[in-house]
Amino acid sequence: MINNISVQENTGLITDREVEIVRLLSNGYNSKEIGDMLFISEHTVNTHRRNMVRKLDLRNSYQLIVWAFEQRILSF
């Protein structure tokens, strides 16, 4: 559990790396900060975000975080 948000078992719809990124987004980190933490570029983080939003047919990162809580990928 990190910052009162625990990561549940992946549903198979998003990759483990994408779960990491959603977790960090839900904790309020921006793409640059996430990239620094995961040792990847800001552009790579944005690509993961865009891919998740597209494959889940969502509109933005906010909906992505809501989806992750609804699917119990993230929980309080």
N, C-alpha and C. Protein backbone atom coordinates (compact mmCIF):
# COMPACT_ATOMS: atom_id res chain seq x y z
N MET A 1 0.85 -1.16 0.00
CA MET A 1 0.00 0.00 0.00
C MET A 1 0.90 1.23 0.00
N ILE A 2 0.62 2.15 -0.90
CA ILE A 2 1.39 3.38 -1.01
C ILE A 2 0.43 4.55 -0.85
N ASN A 3 0.70 5.45 0.10
CA ASN A 3 -0.15 6.63 0.32
C ASN A 3 -1.62 6.27 0.45
N ASN A 4 -1.93 5.24 1.21
CA ASN A 4 -3.30 4.78 1.48
C ASN A 4 -4.02 4.24 0.26
N ILE A 5 -3.32 4.01 -0.83
CA ILE A 5 -3.94 3.42 -2.01
C ILE A 5 -3.22 2.12 -2.30
N SER A 6 -3.96 1.02 -2.26
CA SER A 6 -3.32 -0.27 -2.52
C SER A 6 -3.64 -0.70 -3.94
N VAL A 7 -2.72 -1.41 -4.54
CA VAL A 7 -2.89 -1.92 -5.90
C VAL A 7 -3.40 -3.34 -5.80
N GLN A 8 -4.53 -3.60 -6.42
CA GLN A 8 -5.12 -4.92 -6.42
C GLN A 8 -4.60 -5.71 -7.62
N GLU A 9 -5.02 -6.95 -7.74
CA GLU A 9 -4.59 -7.80 -8.84
C GLU A 9 -5.01 -7.18 -10.17
N ASN A 10 -4.11 -7.22 -11.13
CA ASN A 10 -4.37 -6.66 -12.47
C ASN A 10 -5.50 -7.43 -13.14
N THR A 11 -6.40 -6.71 -13.81
CA THR A 11 -7.53 -7.35 -14.48
C THR A 11 -7.15 -7.93 -15.83
N GLY A 12 -5.93 -7.68 -16.29
CA GLY A 12 -5.53 -8.16 -17.60
C GLY A 12 -5.80 -7.17 -18.71
N LEU A 13 -6.53 -6.11 -18.41
CA LEU A 13 -6.82 -5.11 -19.43
C LEU A 13 -5.68 -4.12 -19.61
N ILE A 14 -4.91 -3.90 -18.57
CA ILE A 14 -3.75 -3.03 -18.67
C ILE A 14 -2.53 -3.76 -18.12
N THR A 15 -1.36 -3.36 -18.60
CA THR A 15 -0.13 -4.04 -18.22
C THR A 15 0.31 -3.65 -16.81
N ASP A 16 1.26 -4.39 -16.27
CA ASP A 16 1.80 -4.07 -14.95
C ASP A 16 2.41 -2.67 -14.93
N ARG A 17 3.10 -2.28 -15.99
CA ARG A 17 3.69 -0.94 -16.05
C ARG A 17 2.59 0.12 -16.07
N GLU A 18 1.51 -0.15 -16.80
CA GLU A 18 0.40 0.78 -16.83
C GLU A 18 -0.26 0.90 -15.46
N VAL A 19 -0.35 -0.20 -14.74
CA VAL A 19 -0.88 -0.15 -13.37
C VAL A 19 -0.01 0.74 -12.51
N GLU A 20 1.31 0.62 -12.64
CA GLU A 20 2.22 1.48 -11.89
C GLU A 20 1.95 2.95 -12.19
N ILE A 21 1.77 3.25 -13.47
CA ILE A 21 1.55 4.64 -13.88
C ILE A 21 0.22 5.14 -13.36
N VAL A 22 -0.83 4.35 -13.44
CA VAL A 22 -2.14 4.77 -12.91
C VAL A 22 -2.04 5.01 -11.40
N ARG A 23 -1.33 4.14 -10.70
CA ARG A 23 -1.16 4.30 -9.25
C ARG A 23 -0.50 5.64 -8.95
N LEU A 24 0.56 5.95 -9.66
CA LEU A 24 1.27 7.20 -9.42
C LEU A 24 0.43 8.41 -9.82
N LEU A 25 -0.32 8.30 -10.91
CA LEU A 25 -1.23 9.38 -11.30
C LEU A 25 -2.26 9.63 -10.20
N SER A 26 -2.79 8.54 -9.63
CA SER A 26 -3.81 8.69 -8.59
C SER A 26 -3.24 9.31 -7.33
N ASN A 27 -1.92 9.25 -7.17
CA ASN A 27 -1.26 9.88 -6.03
C ASN A 27 -0.88 11.33 -6.33
N GLY A 28 -1.24 11.82 -7.51
CA GLY A 28 -1.04 13.23 -7.83
C GLY A 28 0.26 13.58 -8.54
N TYR A 29 1.02 12.60 -8.95
CA TYR A 29 2.27 12.88 -9.65
C TYR A 29 2.00 13.20 -11.12
N ASN A 30 2.80 14.10 -11.71
CA ASN A 30 2.65 14.40 -13.13
C ASN A 30 3.57 13.49 -13.95
N SER A 31 3.47 13.59 -15.25
CA SER A 31 4.21 12.69 -16.14
C SER A 31 5.72 12.81 -15.95
N LYS A 32 6.22 14.00 -15.77
CA LYS A 32 7.66 14.20 -15.57
C LYS A 32 8.12 13.50 -14.29
N GLU A 33 7.38 13.69 -13.20
CA GLU A 33 7.73 13.06 -11.93
C GLU A 33 7.66 11.54 -12.02
N ILE A 34 6.63 11.04 -12.70
CA ILE A 34 6.48 9.59 -12.86
C ILE A 34 7.64 9.03 -13.67
N GLY A 35 7.99 9.72 -14.74
CA GLY A 35 9.12 9.28 -15.56
C GLY A 35 10.40 9.21 -14.74
N ASP A 36 10.63 10.22 -13.91
CA ASP A 36 11.83 10.23 -13.07
C ASP A 36 11.82 9.06 -12.09
N MET A 37 10.67 8.76 -11.51
CA MET A 37 10.58 7.67 -10.54
C MET A 37 10.77 6.30 -11.17
N LEU A 38 10.28 6.15 -12.41
CA LEU A 38 10.32 4.85 -13.07
C LEU A 38 11.49 4.72 -14.05
N PHE A 39 12.32 5.77 -14.12
CA PHE A 39 13.48 5.79 -15.00
C PHE A 39 13.10 5.61 -16.46
N ILE A 40 12.02 6.30 -16.85
CA ILE A 40 11.59 6.35 -18.25
C ILE A 40 11.34 7.81 -18.59
N SER A 41 11.20 8.11 -19.86
CA SER A 41 11.00 9.51 -20.24
C SER A 41 9.56 9.96 -20.00
N GLU A 42 9.40 11.26 -19.89
CA GLU A 42 8.06 11.85 -19.76
C GLU A 42 7.21 11.46 -20.97
N HIS A 43 7.83 11.43 -22.14
CA HIS A 43 7.12 11.05 -23.36
C HIS A 43 6.59 9.61 -23.26
N THR A 44 7.37 8.70 -22.71
CA THR A 44 6.95 7.31 -22.55
C THR A 44 5.77 7.22 -21.59
N VAL A 45 5.80 7.99 -20.50
CA VAL A 45 4.67 8.02 -19.56
C VAL A 45 3.42 8.49 -20.29
N ASN A 46 3.54 9.57 -21.06
CA ASN A 46 2.39 10.09 -21.80
C ASN A 46 1.87 9.10 -22.82
N THR A 47 2.77 8.33 -23.43
CA THR A 47 2.35 7.29 -24.37
C THR A 47 1.56 6.21 -23.65
N HIS A 48 2.03 5.77 -22.49
CA HIS A 48 1.28 4.78 -21.70
C HIS A 48 -0.10 5.33 -21.33
N ARG A 49 -0.16 6.57 -20.89
CA ARG A 49 -1.45 7.18 -20.52
C ARG A 49 -2.39 7.19 -21.71
N ARG A 50 -1.89 7.64 -22.84
CA ARG A 50 -2.70 7.73 -24.06
C ARG A 50 -3.17 6.34 -24.50
N ASN A 51 -2.29 5.35 -24.43
CA ASN A 51 -2.66 3.99 -24.82
C ASN A 51 -3.75 3.41 -23.91
N MET A 52 -3.63 3.66 -22.60
CA MET A 52 -4.66 3.15 -21.67
C MET A 52 -6.00 3.81 -21.95
N VAL A 53 -6.01 5.11 -22.12
CA VAL A 53 -7.25 5.84 -22.38
C VAL A 53 -7.89 5.33 -23.67
N ARG A 54 -7.07 5.12 -24.69
CA ARG A 54 -7.60 4.66 -25.98
C ARG A 54 -8.14 3.24 -25.90
N LYS A 55 -7.36 2.31 -25.32
CA LYS A 55 -7.81 0.91 -25.33
C LYS A 55 -8.99 0.67 -24.39
N LEU A 56 -9.19 1.55 -23.41
CA LEU A 56 -10.34 1.41 -22.51
C LEU A 56 -11.51 2.29 -22.95
N ASP A 57 -11.33 2.98 -24.07
CA ASP A 57 -12.35 3.86 -24.65
C ASP A 57 -12.80 4.93 -23.66
N LEU A 58 -11.82 5.58 -23.04
CA LEU A 58 -12.08 6.66 -22.10
C LEU A 58 -11.72 7.99 -22.75
N ARG A 59 -11.99 9.10 -22.04
CA ARG A 59 -11.72 10.41 -22.61
C ARG A 59 -10.47 11.08 -22.08
N ASN A 60 -10.09 10.75 -20.84
CA ASN A 60 -8.95 11.45 -20.23
C ASN A 60 -8.41 10.64 -19.04
N SER A 61 -7.34 11.17 -18.45
CA SER A 61 -6.69 10.50 -17.33
C SER A 61 -7.57 10.45 -16.09
N TYR A 62 -8.42 11.44 -15.92
CA TYR A 62 -9.35 11.42 -14.78
C TYR A 62 -10.25 10.19 -14.88
N GLN A 63 -10.83 9.97 -16.05
CA GLN A 63 -11.68 8.80 -16.24
C GLN A 63 -10.88 7.51 -16.06
N LEU A 64 -9.61 7.53 -16.43
CA LEU A 64 -8.75 6.37 -16.25
C LEU A 64 -8.60 6.02 -14.77
N ILE A 65 -8.40 7.02 -13.94
CA ILE A 65 -8.26 6.78 -12.50
C ILE A 65 -9.58 6.28 -11.92
N VAL A 66 -10.68 6.88 -12.32
CA VAL A 66 -12.00 6.43 -11.85
C VAL A 66 -12.21 4.97 -12.27
N TRP A 67 -11.87 4.66 -13.52
CA TRP A 67 -12.01 3.28 -14.01
C TRP A 67 -11.19 2.32 -13.14
N ALA A 68 -9.95 2.70 -12.81
CA ALA A 68 -9.08 1.84 -12.02
C ALA A 68 -9.67 1.56 -10.64
N PHE A 69 -10.30 2.55 -10.03
CA PHE A 69 -10.96 2.32 -8.73
C PHE A 69 -12.20 1.44 -8.91
N GLU A 70 -12.98 1.70 -9.96
CA GLU A 70 -14.18 0.89 -10.20
C GLU A 70 -13.84 -0.57 -10.46
N GLN A 71 -12.73 -0.81 -11.15
CA GLN A 71 -12.30 -2.17 -11.46
C GLN A 71 -11.51 -2.80 -10.32
N ARG A 72 -11.34 -2.04 -9.26
CA ARG A 72 -10.61 -2.48 -8.06
C ARG A 72 -9.14 -2.78 -8.35
N ILE A 73 -8.61 -2.12 -9.36
CA ILE A 73 -7.17 -2.17 -9.60
C ILE A 73 -6.51 -1.31 -8.54
N LEU A 74 -7.17 -0.22 -8.18
CA LEU A 74 -6.74 0.64 -7.07
C LEU A 74 -7.86 0.66 -6.06
N SER A 75 -7.49 0.75 -4.78
CA SER A 75 -8.51 0.91 -3.74
C SER A 75 -7.90 1.67 -2.57
N PHE A 76 -8.77 2.22 -1.75
CA PHE A 76 -8.31 2.98 -0.59
C PHE A 76 -7.85 2.04 0.49
